[in-house]
Amino acid sequence: MASALANGKCSMSPNTSWVSLSAPMGGSMASDYMLNVCERKGAVAAGLLGLLGQCPLMHSRTTTIYQGEKYSTPAINKAYAAAQKAYRDNVAAVICSDSYYGVFSKYQVPSVIAAKIVSHKSSKNDGLVEYRSCLGGLDDANFGDHYLDRFYRSELNHADTAFMTGDGILKDSQKPMKWFQCLAL
């Protein structure tokens, strides 16, 4: 969405509200990690991922390489900057996470493993996307940890923020479904 807006491929209607779910607005170190693994010819991990159809990496996975890192280029960095401006100027509500544990589910262990093996720039990530990347230049001070906050700093993993697990029971910072249901836009 941000790239399409930045490149004039679409525009926002005054009657439209953009709700963003853990978007990698600065990319994801998980993409860089996978590219590194797949480039290691003869490595066991690359071989296993190849058997699973993950190496070579699908083009869609390479579109979220981390801004300013090894696989990025000046053109990609410029595209990220333009997309981030479109994001800041147009997004109405955002859920980001600064914790990869999330709610208890079948996705919890894979998220913790991803958070530990991927060379994230910060421990504040949802397993795949760093909190700072999700902010996309938005002011962290505008984010709160309650599901009634339009800009929601949750304690959820990436699967949780994609509504794949439902709400947690104990913490207001672990209620993605309630957040979406209660959004007043």
C-alpha atoms as a PDB file:
ATOM      1  CA  MET A   1       0.000   0.000   0.000  1.00  0.00           C
ATOM      2  CA  ALA A   2       2.711   2.456   1.016  1.00  0.00           C
ATOM      3  CA  SER A   3       4.722   1.823  -2.138  1.00  0.00           C
ATOM      4  CA  ALA A   4       1.643   2.162  -4.348  1.00  0.00           C
ATOM      5  CA  LEU A   5       0.785   5.485  -2.696  1.00  0.00           C
ATOM      6  CA  ALA A   6       4.375   6.717  -2.923  1.00  0.00           C
ATOM      7  CA  ASN A   7       4.540   5.831  -6.629  1.00  0.00           C
ATOM      8  CA  GLY A   8       1.183   7.389  -7.516  1.00  0.00           C
ATOM      9  CA  LYS A   9      -0.379   4.019  -8.387  1.00  0.00           C
ATOM     10  CA  CYS A  10      -3.331   4.726  -6.089  1.00  0.00           C
ATOM     11  CA  SER A  11      -4.662   7.310  -3.674  1.00  0.00           C
ATOM     12  CA  MET A  12      -6.596   7.229  -0.435  1.00  0.00           C
ATOM     13  CA  SER A  13     -10.275   8.078  -0.520  1.00  0.00           C
ATOM     14  CA  PRO A  14     -11.402  10.447   2.246  1.00  0.00           C
ATOM     15  CA  ASN A  15     -13.763   7.634   3.303  1.00  0.00           C
ATOM     16  CA  THR A  16     -10.967   5.066   3.640  1.00  0.00           C
ATOM     17  CA  SER A  17      -8.955   4.219   6.736  1.00  0.00           C
ATOM     18  CA  TRP A  18      -5.655   2.392   6.432  1.00  0.00           C
ATOM     19  CA  VAL A  19      -5.066  -0.092   9.258  1.00  0.00           C
ATOM     20  CA  SER A  20      -1.550  -1.540   9.326  1.00  0.00           C
ATOM     21  CA  LEU A  21      -0.647  -4.900  10.872  1.00  0.00           C
ATOM     22  CA  SER A  22       3.045  -5.274  11.806  1.00  0.00           C
ATOM     23  CA  ALA A  23       4.214  -3.981   8.446  1.00  0.00           C
ATOM     24  CA  PRO A  24       7.981  -4.235   7.839  1.00  0.00           C
ATOM     25  CA  MET A  25       8.280  -0.579   6.822  1.00  0.00           C
ATOM     26  CA  GLY A  26      12.073  -0.756   7.085  1.00  0.00           C
ATOM     27  CA  GLY A  27      12.265  -4.381   6.004  1.00  0.00           C
ATOM     28  CA  SER A  28      12.875  -7.524   8.002  1.00  0.00           C
ATOM     29  CA  MET A  29      16.178  -9.032   9.049  1.00  0.00           C
ATOM     30  CA  ALA A  30      14.420 -12.391   8.577  1.00  0.00           C
ATOM     31  CA  SER A  31      14.618 -11.838   4.802  1.00  0.00           C
ATOM     32  CA  ASP A  32      18.315 -11.027   5.039  1.00  0.00           C
ATOM     33  CA  TYR A  33      18.848 -14.108   7.211  1.00  0.00           C
ATOM     34  CA  MET A  34      17.102 -16.371   4.693  1.00  0.00           C
ATOM     35  CA  LEU A  35      19.107 -14.883   1.817  1.00  0.00           C
ATOM     36  CA  ASN A  36      22.320 -15.515   3.764  1.00  0.00           C
ATOM     37  CA  VAL A  37      21.343 -19.136   4.415  1.00  0.00           C
ATOM     38  CA  CYS A  38      20.295 -19.793   0.817  1.00  0.00           C
ATOM     39  CA  GLU A  39      23.548 -18.309  -0.537  1.00  0.00           C
ATOM     40  CA  ARG A  40      25.660 -20.834   1.395  1.00  0.00           C
ATOM     41  CA  LYS A  41      26.124 -23.509  -1.252  1.00  0.00           C
ATOM     42  CA  GLY A  42      26.520 -26.957   0.260  1.00  0.00           C
ATOM     43  CA  ALA A  43      25.409 -25.853   3.734  1.00  0.00           C
ATOM     44  CA  VAL A  44      23.078 -28.263   5.521  1.00  0.00           C
ATOM     45  CA  ALA A  45      20.573 -25.512   6.352  1.00  0.00           C
ATOM     46  CA  ALA A  46      20.450 -24.365   2.718  1.00  0.00           C
ATOM     47  CA  GLY A  47      19.938 -27.967   1.611  1.00  0.00           C
ATOM     48  CA  LEU A  48      17.089 -28.498   4.059  1.00  0.00           C
ATOM     49  CA  LEU A  49      15.438 -25.238   3.065  1.00  0.00           C
ATOM     50  CA  GLY A  50      15.888 -26.224  -0.583  1.00  0.00           C
ATOM     51  CA  LEU A  51      14.019 -29.479   0.065  1.00  0.00           C
ATOM     52  CA  LEU A  52      11.222 -27.452   1.647  1.00  0.00           C
ATOM     53  CA  GLY A  53      11.049 -25.204  -1.411  1.00  0.00           C
ATOM     54  CA  GLN A  54      12.437 -22.185   0.453  1.00  0.00           C
ATOM     55  CA  CYS A  55      15.793 -21.915  -1.385  1.00  0.00           C
ATOM     56  CA  PRO A  56      16.215 -20.141  -3.640  1.00  0.00           C
ATOM     57  CA  LEU A  57      14.118 -17.535  -1.901  1.00  0.00           C
ATOM     58  CA  MET A  58      10.845 -16.558  -3.549  1.00  0.00           C
ATOM     59  CA  HIS A  59      10.818 -13.025  -4.956  1.00  0.00           C
ATOM     60  CA  SER A  60       8.094 -12.009  -2.493  1.00  0.00           C
ATOM     61  CA  ARG A  61      10.459 -12.785   0.398  1.00  0.00           C
ATOM     62  CA  THR A  62      13.240 -10.676  -1.095  1.00  0.00           C
ATOM     63  CA  THR A  63      11.010  -7.587  -1.244  1.00  0.00           C
ATOM     64  CA  THR A  64      11.360  -7.113   2.510  1.00  0.00           C
ATOM     65  CA  ILE A  65      15.157  -7.034   2.732  1.00  0.00           C
ATOM     66  CA  TYR A  66      16.320  -4.733   5.507  1.00  0.00           C
ATOM     67  CA  GLN A  67      16.772  -1.082   4.623  1.00  0.00           C
ATOM     68  CA  GLY A  68      20.417  -0.029   4.587  1.00  0.00           C
ATOM     69  CA  GLU A  69      21.776  -3.545   5.049  1.00  0.00           C
ATOM     70  CA  LYS A  70      23.829  -5.996   2.953  1.00  0.00           C
ATOM     71  CA  TYR A  71      21.210  -6.783   0.287  1.00  0.00           C
ATOM     72  CA  SER A  72      19.762  -3.292   0.021  1.00  0.00           C
ATOM     73  CA  THR A  73      20.732  -0.791  -2.656  1.00  0.00           C
ATOM     74  CA  PRO A  74      20.497   3.000  -2.855  1.00  0.00           C
ATOM     75  CA  ALA A  75      17.367   2.593  -5.014  1.00  0.00           C
ATOM     76  CA  ILE A  76      15.745   0.258  -2.478  1.00  0.00           C
ATOM     77  CA  ASN A  77      16.655   2.598   0.390  1.00  0.00           C
ATOM     78  CA  LYS A  78      15.078   5.493  -1.529  1.00  0.00           C
ATOM     79  CA  ALA A  79      11.930   3.433  -2.171  1.00  0.00           C
ATOM     80  CA  TYR A  80      11.710   2.584   1.537  1.00  0.00           C
ATOM     81  CA  ALA A  81      12.010   6.272   2.464  1.00  0.00           C
ATOM     82  CA  ALA A  82       9.211   7.211   0.042  1.00  0.00           C
ATOM     83  CA  ALA A  83       6.990   4.374   1.294  1.00  0.00           C
ATOM     84  CA  GLN A  84       7.611   5.391   4.907  1.00  0.00           C
ATOM     85  CA  LYS A  85       6.533   8.954   4.147  1.00  0.00           C
ATOM     86  CA  ALA A  86       3.329   7.687   2.509  1.00  0.00           C
ATOM     87  CA  TYR A  87       2.777   5.463   5.544  1.00  0.00           C
ATOM     88  CA  ARG A  88       3.251   8.306   8.035  1.00  0.00           C
ATOM     89  CA  ASP A  89       1.007  10.613   6.012  1.00  0.00           C
ATOM     90  CA  ASN A  90      -1.858   8.153   5.514  1.00  0.00           C
ATOM     91  CA  VAL A  91      -2.039   5.361   8.081  1.00  0.00           C
ATOM     92  CA  ALA A  92      -4.962   5.654  10.515  1.00  0.00           C
ATOM     93  CA  ALA A  93      -4.207   2.823  12.948  1.00  0.00           C
ATOM     94  CA  VAL A  94      -1.221   0.545  13.522  1.00  0.00           C
ATOM     95  CA  ILE A  95      -0.404  -2.553  15.519  1.00  0.00           C
ATOM     96  CA  CYS A  96       3.294  -3.198  16.141  1.00  0.00           C
ATOM     97  CA  SER A  97       4.982  -5.430  18.678  1.00  0.00           C
ATOM     98  CA  ASP A  98       8.051  -5.195  20.858  1.00  0.00           C
ATOM     99  CA  SER A  99       7.851  -8.817  22.060  1.00  0.00           C
ATOM    100  CA  TYR A 100       8.126 -12.091  20.176  1.00  0.00           C
ATOM    101  CA  TYR A 101       6.607 -14.388  22.800  1.00  0.00           C
ATOM    102  CA  GLY A 102       3.009 -13.449  22.117  1.00  0.00           C
ATOM    103  CA  VAL A 103       0.043 -15.513  23.227  1.00  0.00           C
ATOM    104  CA  PHE A 104       0.291 -19.241  23.849  1.00  0.00           C
ATOM    105  CA  SER A 105      -0.243 -20.951  20.484  1.00  0.00           C
ATOM    106  CA  LYS A 106       1.417 -23.229  17.952  1.00  0.00           C
ATOM    107  CA  TYR A 107       3.182 -20.127  16.587  1.00  0.00           C
ATOM    108  CA  GLN A 108       4.837 -19.165  19.865  1.00  0.00           C
ATOM    109  CA  VAL A 109       7.844 -21.513  19.713  1.00  0.00           C
ATOM    110  CA  PRO A 110       8.634 -20.807  16.020  1.00  0.00           C
ATOM    111  CA  SER A 111       8.433 -17.062  16.767  1.00  0.00           C
ATOM    112  CA  VAL A 112      10.826 -17.378  19.694  1.00  0.00           C
ATOM    113  CA  ILE A 113      13.221 -19.453  17.569  1.00  0.00           C
ATOM    114  CA  ALA A 114      13.062 -16.907  14.735  1.00  0.00           C
ATOM    115  CA  ALA A 115      13.695 -14.063  17.172  1.00  0.00           C
ATOM    116  CA  LYS A 116      16.749 -15.870  18.540  1.00  0.00           C
ATOM    117  CA  ILE A 117      18.384 -17.025  15.273  1.00  0.00           C
ATOM    118  CA  VAL A 118      17.711 -13.980  13.090  1.00  0.00           C
ATOM    119  CA  SER A 119      20.246 -11.198  13.634  1.00  0.00           C
ATOM    120  CA  HIS A 120      17.684  -8.552  14.537  1.00  0.00           C
ATOM    121  CA  LYS A 121      18.980  -5.062  15.229  1.00  0.00           C
ATOM    122  CA  SER A 122      16.911  -4.996  18.424  1.00  0.00           C
ATOM    123  CA  SER A 123      15.403  -7.446  20.882  1.00  0.00           C
ATOM    124  CA  LYS A 124      12.172  -5.493  20.408  1.00  0.00           C
ATOM    125  CA  ASN A 125      10.649  -7.534  17.578  1.00  0.00           C
ATOM    126  CA  ASP A 126       7.726  -9.860  16.876  1.00  0.00           C
ATOM    127  CA  GLY A 127       9.986 -12.663  15.673  1.00  0.00           C
ATOM    128  CA  LEU A 128      10.034 -11.383  12.094  1.00  0.00           C
ATOM    129  CA  VAL A 129       9.611  -7.589  12.177  1.00  0.00           C
ATOM    130  CA  GLU A 130      11.418  -5.216  14.505  1.00  0.00           C
ATOM    131  CA  TYR A 131       9.339  -2.683  16.394  1.00  0.00           C
ATOM    132  CA  ARG A 132      11.359   0.192  14.891  1.00  0.00           C
ATOM    133  CA  SER A 133      10.769  -1.122  11.365  1.00  0.00           C
ATOM    134  CA  CYS A 134       7.043  -1.394  12.024  1.00  0.00           C
ATOM    135  CA  LEU A 135       6.973   2.207  13.270  1.00  0.00           C
ATOM    136  CA  GLY A 136       8.123   3.334   9.826  1.00  0.00           C
ATOM    137  CA  GLY A 137       9.061   6.720  11.243  1.00  0.00           C
ATOM    138  CA  LEU A 138       5.906   7.180  13.311  1.00  0.00           C
ATOM    139  CA  ASP A 139       6.496   8.671  16.762  1.00  0.00           C
ATOM    140  CA  ASP A 140       6.776   5.943  19.396  1.00  0.00           C
ATOM    141  CA  ALA A 141       5.216   8.376  21.899  1.00  0.00           C
ATOM    142  CA  ASN A 142       1.890   7.996  20.036  1.00  0.00           C
ATOM    143  CA  PHE A 143       1.780   4.259  20.788  1.00  0.00           C
ATOM    144  CA  GLY A 144       0.160   2.738  23.852  1.00  0.00           C
ATOM    145  CA  ASP A 145       0.009  -0.797  25.187  1.00  0.00           C
ATOM    146  CA  HIS A 146      -3.769  -1.065  25.585  1.00  0.00           C
ATOM    147  CA  TYR A 147      -6.061  -2.500  22.932  1.00  0.00           C
ATOM    148  CA  LEU A 148      -8.049   0.757  22.930  1.00  0.00           C
ATOM    149  CA  ASP A 149      -4.993   2.657  21.649  1.00  0.00           C
ATOM    150  CA  ARG A 150      -5.276   3.365  17.922  1.00  0.00           C
ATOM    151  CA  PHE A 151      -1.501   3.039  17.680  1.00  0.00           C
ATOM    152  CA  TYR A 152      -1.019  -0.200  19.595  1.00  0.00           C
ATOM    153  CA  ARG A 153       2.362  -1.326  20.948  1.00  0.00           C
ATOM    154  CA  SER A 154       1.493  -4.931  21.632  1.00  0.00           C
ATOM    155  CA  GLU A 155       3.328  -7.879  23.158  1.00  0.00           C
ATOM    156  CA  LEU A 156       2.459 -10.258  20.329  1.00  0.00           C
ATOM    157  CA  ASN A 157       4.376 -12.298  17.802  1.00  0.00           C
ATOM    158  CA  HIS A 158       3.929 -11.793  14.070  1.00  0.00           C
ATOM    159  CA  ALA A 159       1.289 -14.538  13.780  1.00  0.00           C
ATOM    160  CA  ASP A 160      -0.709 -12.980  16.618  1.00  0.00           C
ATOM    161  CA  THR A 161      -0.783  -9.579  14.908  1.00  0.00           C
ATOM    162  CA  ALA A 162      -2.124 -11.302  11.780  1.00  0.00           C
ATOM    163  CA  PHE A 163      -5.110 -12.524  13.846  1.00  0.00           C
ATOM    164  CA  MET A 164      -4.022 -16.159  13.555  1.00  0.00           C
ATOM    165  CA  THR A 165      -4.306 -16.918  17.279  1.00  0.00           C
ATOM    166  CA  GLY A 166      -7.001 -14.807  18.915  1.00  0.00           C
ATOM    167  CA  ASP A 167      -6.613 -12.714  22.051  1.00  0.00           C
ATOM    168  CA  GLY A 168      -4.517 -13.417  25.107  1.00  0.00           C
ATOM    169  CA  ILE A 169      -6.344 -13.677  28.407  1.00  0.00           C
ATOM    170  CA  LEU A 170      -4.307 -11.753  30.965  1.00  0.00           C
ATOM    171  CA  LYS A 171      -2.704  -8.716  29.318  1.00  0.00           C
ATOM    172  CA  ASP A 172      -4.327  -5.766  27.546  1.00  0.00           C
ATOM    173  CA  SER A 173      -1.194  -5.674  25.377  1.00  0.00           C
ATOM    174  CA  GLN A 174      -2.108  -9.107  23.954  1.00  0.00           C
ATOM    175  CA  LYS A 175      -5.551  -8.519  22.485  1.00  0.00           C
ATOM    176  CA  PRO A 176      -5.262  -8.010  18.707  1.00  0.00           C
ATOM    177  CA  MET A 177      -8.849  -9.081  17.952  1.00  0.00           C
ATOM    178  CA  LYS A 178     -10.296  -6.737  20.555  1.00  0.00           C
ATOM    179  CA  TRP A 179      -8.048  -3.946  19.242  1.00  0.00           C
ATOM    180  CA  PHE A 180      -9.397  -4.371  15.723  1.00  0.00           C
ATOM    181  CA  GLN A 181     -13.012  -4.696  16.907  1.00  0.00           C
ATOM    182  CA  CYS A 182     -12.755  -1.561  19.054  1.00  0.00           C
ATOM    183  CA  LEU A 183     -11.019   0.687  16.507  1.00  0.00           C
ATOM    184  CA  ALA A 184     -12.870   3.967  16.144  1.00  0.00           C
ATOM    185  CA  LEU A 185     -11.796   5.452  12.836  1.00  0.00           C
END
